[in-house]
Amino acid sequence: MTTAPARAADLGRLWTLPGVYAPQADTYLLAQALDAEGISPGMDVLDVCTGSGALALLAARRGARVWATDISRRAVMTARLNAARAGHRVRALHGDLTGPVSGQRFDMLVSNPPYVPAPHGHSPGPHTPAVAWDAGHSGRLALDRICAHARDLLRPHGVLLMVHSGLCGADETLSRLTATGMRCAVADRALVPFGPVMTKRLPWLRAQGLIGPDDDKEELVVIRAERI
């Protein structure tokens, strides 16, 4: 296990509108996995929950044809502006998870979805910053839906790379993806200090038994799943 994910130099400096999720430790960890996977010119790549567009741009810089989706209109605008500033084409689409690209097939699907457990059991509205991280009591509101639809979005031997907190249950993600007929494993892990949202929720998370009384770091996991 690495103690902290390295910053991916190719992400560069990105601009974000207020309320849009800026690249953080989970972004960098997933970027490393994406680069290790290998993106070649002509590949079709989908970035679900694109936020600032950091991962979409990384794939575009490698020559891929890139689509990106986000339920936040501000995130979509941010991704488009960052792509324009970088001189790369990213088809950034507004909509819920994979809905905007229903019926299309890709060589790779990458996602940094909302995964922070929240005291309320519902997803926040699309116009609030919390839509980028809150994902219900278990943190799996978005994760389970991506697991259910990922295989149908991938071509044979296409790959899903997805990052989330270990609090959500890596085994649950692996089980759900395996049940759809995909071959999957944890590709990487990292321990990072709790961010502002997690820190604010520590009393609730500890009361739920999700975090121990002495824990001061969060485990991030990158899941790799291949359509076989």
Protein backbone atom coordinates (compact mmCIF):
# COMPACT_ATOMS: atom_id res chain seq x y z
CA MET A 1 0.00 0.00 0.00
CA THR A 2 1.29 3.46 -0.82
CA THR A 3 1.09 6.05 1.93
CA ALA A 4 -0.12 8.83 -0.38
CA PRO A 5 -0.96 9.10 -4.07
CA ALA A 6 1.50 11.03 -6.18
CA ARG A 7 0.29 14.09 -8.03
CA ALA A 8 -0.03 13.39 -11.75
CA ALA A 9 2.04 15.97 -13.57
CA ASP A 10 -0.08 15.68 -16.69
CA LEU A 11 -3.19 16.99 -14.91
CA GLY A 12 -1.75 20.48 -15.04
CA ARG A 13 -3.40 23.47 -13.44
CA LEU A 14 -7.14 23.43 -13.88
CA TRP A 15 -9.72 26.13 -13.38
CA THR A 16 -12.92 25.35 -11.48
CA LEU A 17 -16.17 27.26 -11.08
CA PRO A 18 -17.35 27.72 -7.47
CA GLY A 19 -18.97 24.54 -6.21
CA VAL A 20 -17.16 22.22 -8.66
CA TYR A 21 -15.00 19.42 -7.27
CA ALA A 22 -11.35 20.33 -7.75
CA PRO A 23 -8.68 17.63 -8.24
CA GLN A 24 -7.70 16.03 -4.93
CA ALA A 25 -5.99 12.88 -3.67
CA ASP A 26 -8.57 10.55 -5.21
CA THR A 27 -8.20 12.30 -8.58
CA TYR A 28 -4.43 11.84 -8.55
CA LEU A 29 -4.64 8.20 -7.52
CA LEU A 30 -7.07 7.44 -10.32
CA ALA A 31 -4.95 9.41 -12.79
CA GLN A 32 -1.97 7.18 -11.95
CA ALA A 33 -4.08 4.09 -12.62
CA LEU A 34 -5.34 5.56 -15.89
CA ASP A 35 -1.81 6.32 -17.06
CA ALA A 36 -0.60 2.85 -16.01
CA GLU A 37 -3.44 1.26 -17.97
CA GLY A 38 -2.21 2.89 -21.14
CA ILE A 39 -4.26 5.21 -23.34
CA SER A 40 -3.54 5.06 -27.05
CA PRO A 41 -4.67 7.35 -29.86
CA GLY A 42 -8.07 6.43 -31.22
CA MET A 43 -9.42 4.86 -28.03
CA ASP A 44 -12.90 5.87 -26.89
CA VAL A 45 -12.89 6.91 -23.23
CA LEU A 46 -15.79 7.93 -20.97
CA ASP A 47 -15.28 9.95 -17.78
CA VAL A 48 -18.35 9.66 -15.52
CA CYS A 49 -18.75 12.37 -12.84
CA THR A 50 -16.06 14.42 -14.53
CA GLY A 51 -16.01 17.41 -12.15
CA SER A 52 -13.22 19.68 -13.37
CA GLY A 53 -12.53 17.39 -16.35
CA ALA A 54 -9.07 16.45 -15.05
CA LEU A 55 -9.27 12.76 -15.99
CA ALA A 56 -11.01 13.46 -19.28
CA LEU A 57 -8.21 15.83 -20.21
CA LEU A 58 -5.55 13.31 -19.24
CA ALA A 59 -7.10 10.82 -21.66
CA ALA A 60 -7.47 13.48 -24.37
CA ARG A 61 -3.78 14.37 -24.05
CA ARG A 62 -2.98 10.74 -24.82
CA GLY A 63 -4.92 10.97 -28.08
CA ALA A 64 -8.20 9.34 -27.01
CA ARG A 65 -11.64 10.40 -28.14
CA VAL A 66 -13.21 11.49 -24.88
CA TRP A 67 -16.74 11.88 -23.55
CA ALA A 68 -17.45 13.23 -20.05
CA THR A 69 -20.65 13.43 -18.03
CA ASP A 70 -21.75 15.20 -14.88
CA ILE A 71 -25.08 15.98 -13.23
CA SER A 72 -23.77 19.44 -12.30
CA ARG A 73 -24.12 22.02 -15.07
CA ARG A 74 -21.26 23.98 -13.51
CA ALA A 75 -19.03 20.92 -13.71
CA VAL A 76 -19.91 20.41 -17.37
CA MET A 77 -19.09 24.05 -18.10
CA THR A 78 -15.84 23.77 -16.15
CA ALA A 79 -14.78 20.64 -18.06
CA ARG A 80 -15.54 22.34 -21.38
CA LEU A 81 -13.59 25.45 -20.44
CA ASN A 82 -10.58 23.45 -19.23
CA ALA A 83 -10.58 21.42 -22.43
CA ALA A 84 -10.73 24.60 -24.51
CA ARG A 85 -7.89 26.17 -22.51
CA ALA A 86 -5.78 23.04 -23.04
CA GLY A 87 -6.58 22.84 -26.74
CA HIS A 88 -8.19 19.39 -26.54
CA ARG A 89 -11.62 18.19 -27.50
CA VAL A 90 -13.79 16.70 -24.74
CA ARG A 91 -17.48 16.07 -25.37
CA ALA A 92 -18.77 17.17 -21.95
CA LEU A 93 -22.45 16.28 -21.50
CA HIS A 94 -24.92 17.21 -18.78
CA GLY A 95 -26.83 14.34 -17.21
CA ASP A 96 -27.05 11.68 -14.53
CA LEU A 97 -24.08 9.27 -14.54
CA THR A 98 -24.10 7.23 -17.78
CA GLY A 99 -27.50 8.44 -18.99
CA PRO A 100 -26.18 10.94 -21.59
CA VAL A 101 -24.25 8.18 -23.44
CA SER A 102 -26.81 5.38 -23.25
CA GLY A 103 -26.34 2.98 -26.16
CA GLN A 104 -22.70 3.93 -26.82
CA ARG A 105 -19.71 1.67 -26.22
CA PHE A 106 -16.25 2.60 -24.99
CA ASP A 107 -12.79 1.10 -24.61
CA MET A 108 -12.39 2.58 -21.15
CA LEU A 109 -14.66 4.01 -18.48
CA VAL A 110 -13.12 6.06 -15.68
CA SER A 111 -15.02 7.47 -12.73
CA ASN A 112 -14.49 9.34 -9.48
CA PRO A 113 -18.12 9.33 -8.31
CA PRO A 114 -19.66 10.68 -5.10
CA TYR A 115 -18.88 8.18 -2.33
CA VAL A 116 -18.87 9.94 1.06
CA PRO A 117 -21.34 8.38 3.54
CA ALA A 118 -23.87 10.98 4.67
CA PRO A 119 -26.34 11.14 7.58
CA HIS A 120 -29.18 11.69 5.14
CA GLY A 121 -30.08 8.81 2.86
CA HIS A 122 -30.62 10.69 -0.37
CA SER A 123 -28.50 12.33 -3.02
CA PRO A 124 -28.30 16.13 -2.71
CA GLY A 125 -29.68 18.37 -5.42
CA PRO A 126 -27.59 18.81 -8.59
CA HIS A 127 -27.13 22.51 -7.91
CA THR A 128 -25.37 22.06 -4.55
CA PRO A 129 -21.62 21.43 -4.09
CA ALA A 130 -22.40 18.34 -1.98
CA VAL A 131 -23.62 16.52 -5.10
CA ALA A 132 -19.92 15.89 -5.82
CA TRP A 133 -19.39 13.84 -2.66
CA ASP A 134 -22.57 12.91 -0.72
CA ALA A 135 -23.86 9.41 -1.55
CA GLY A 136 -26.34 8.31 1.12
CA HIS A 137 -25.81 6.36 4.34
CA SER A 138 -23.53 3.75 2.78
CA GLY A 139 -21.79 6.03 0.30
CA ARG A 140 -22.91 3.71 -2.50
CA LEU A 141 -25.80 5.55 -4.20
CA ALA A 142 -23.73 6.25 -7.32
CA LEU A 143 -21.30 3.33 -6.98
CA ASP A 144 -23.98 0.65 -7.21
CA ARG A 145 -25.54 2.22 -10.30
CA ILE A 146 -22.18 2.45 -12.06
CA CYS A 147 -21.47 -1.19 -11.19
CA ALA A 148 -24.82 -2.18 -12.69
CA HIS A 149 -24.29 -0.38 -16.01
CA ALA A 150 -20.52 -0.45 -16.59
CA ARG A 151 -20.40 -3.72 -18.50
CA ASP A 152 -23.01 -2.60 -21.03
CA LEU A 153 -20.99 0.54 -21.76
CA LEU A 154 -17.76 -1.32 -22.51
CA ARG A 155 -16.58 -3.14 -25.60
CA PRO A 156 -15.11 -6.63 -25.16
CA HIS A 157 -11.95 -6.31 -23.03
CA GLY A 158 -12.92 -2.74 -22.19
CA VAL A 159 -11.82 -1.56 -18.74
CA LEU A 160 -13.51 0.29 -15.90
CA LEU A 161 -11.30 2.23 -13.48
CA MET A 162 -13.14 3.67 -10.48
CA VAL A 163 -11.96 5.19 -7.21
CA HIS A 164 -13.81 5.32 -3.93
CA SER A 165 -13.33 5.28 -0.17
CA GLY A 166 -12.61 2.03 1.61
CA LEU A 167 -15.50 2.98 3.91
CA CYS A 168 -17.91 2.07 1.09
CA GLY A 169 -16.65 -1.50 0.94
CA ALA A 170 -14.27 -2.54 -1.82
CA ASP A 171 -15.50 -6.14 -1.54
CA GLU A 172 -19.06 -4.99 -2.23
CA THR A 173 -17.92 -3.24 -5.41
CA LEU A 174 -15.96 -6.29 -6.54
CA SER A 175 -18.93 -8.56 -5.85
CA ARG A 176 -21.35 -6.40 -7.81
CA LEU A 177 -19.04 -6.10 -10.81
CA THR A 178 -18.26 -9.82 -10.78
CA ALA A 179 -21.99 -10.56 -10.78
CA THR A 180 -22.35 -8.69 -14.07
CA GLY A 181 -19.70 -10.88 -15.71
CA MET A 182 -16.63 -8.70 -15.30
CA ARG A 183 -13.17 -9.70 -14.08
CA CYS A 184 -12.13 -7.27 -11.36
CA ALA A 185 -9.64 -6.52 -8.60
CA VAL A 186 -8.36 -3.70 -6.44
CA ALA A 187 -5.70 -2.07 -8.60
CA ASP A 188 -4.28 0.35 -6.02
CA ARG A 189 -4.77 1.66 -2.50
CA ALA A 190 -3.62 4.75 -0.64
CA LEU A 191 -3.98 6.22 2.84
CA VAL A 192 -4.69 9.95 2.91
CA PRO A 193 -5.59 12.39 5.71
CA PHE A 194 -9.28 13.05 6.16
CA GLY A 195 -10.48 15.98 4.08
CA PRO A 196 -12.80 18.77 5.31
CA VAL A 197 -16.05 16.87 4.64
CA MET A 198 -14.90 13.67 6.34
CA THR A 199 -13.42 15.60 9.25
CA LYS A 200 -16.71 17.39 9.85
CA ARG A 201 -18.52 14.04 9.89
CA LEU A 202 -16.11 12.12 12.11
CA PRO A 203 -18.48 11.97 15.11
CA TRP A 204 -21.27 10.53 12.95
CA LEU A 205 -18.94 8.15 11.09
CA ARG A 206 -17.54 6.86 14.38
CA ALA A 207 -21.03 6.44 15.79
CA GLN A 208 -21.89 4.32 12.75
CA GLY A 209 -18.80 2.15 13.30
CA LEU A 210 -17.33 3.19 9.94
CA ILE A 211 -14.23 4.75 11.49
CA GLY A 212 -12.33 3.71 14.60
CA PRO A 213 -11.78 6.12 17.50
CA ASP A 214 -8.09 6.56 16.67
CA ASP A 215 -8.29 6.55 12.87
CA ASP A 216 -6.91 9.73 11.31
CA LYS A 217 -6.63 8.64 7.68
CA GLU A 218 -8.95 7.40 4.97
CA GLU A 219 -8.17 4.53 2.64
CA LEU A 220 -8.83 5.13 -1.04
CA VAL A 221 -9.15 2.20 -3.44
CA VAL A 222 -8.99 2.02 -7.22
CA ILE A 223 -11.12 -0.76 -8.69
CA ARG A 224 -10.20 -2.21 -12.08
CA ALA A 225 -12.80 -4.29 -13.92
CA GLU A 226 -12.52 -5.76 -17.42
CA ARG A 227 -15.33 -6.94 -19.64
CA ILE A 228 -14.51 -10.49 -20.68
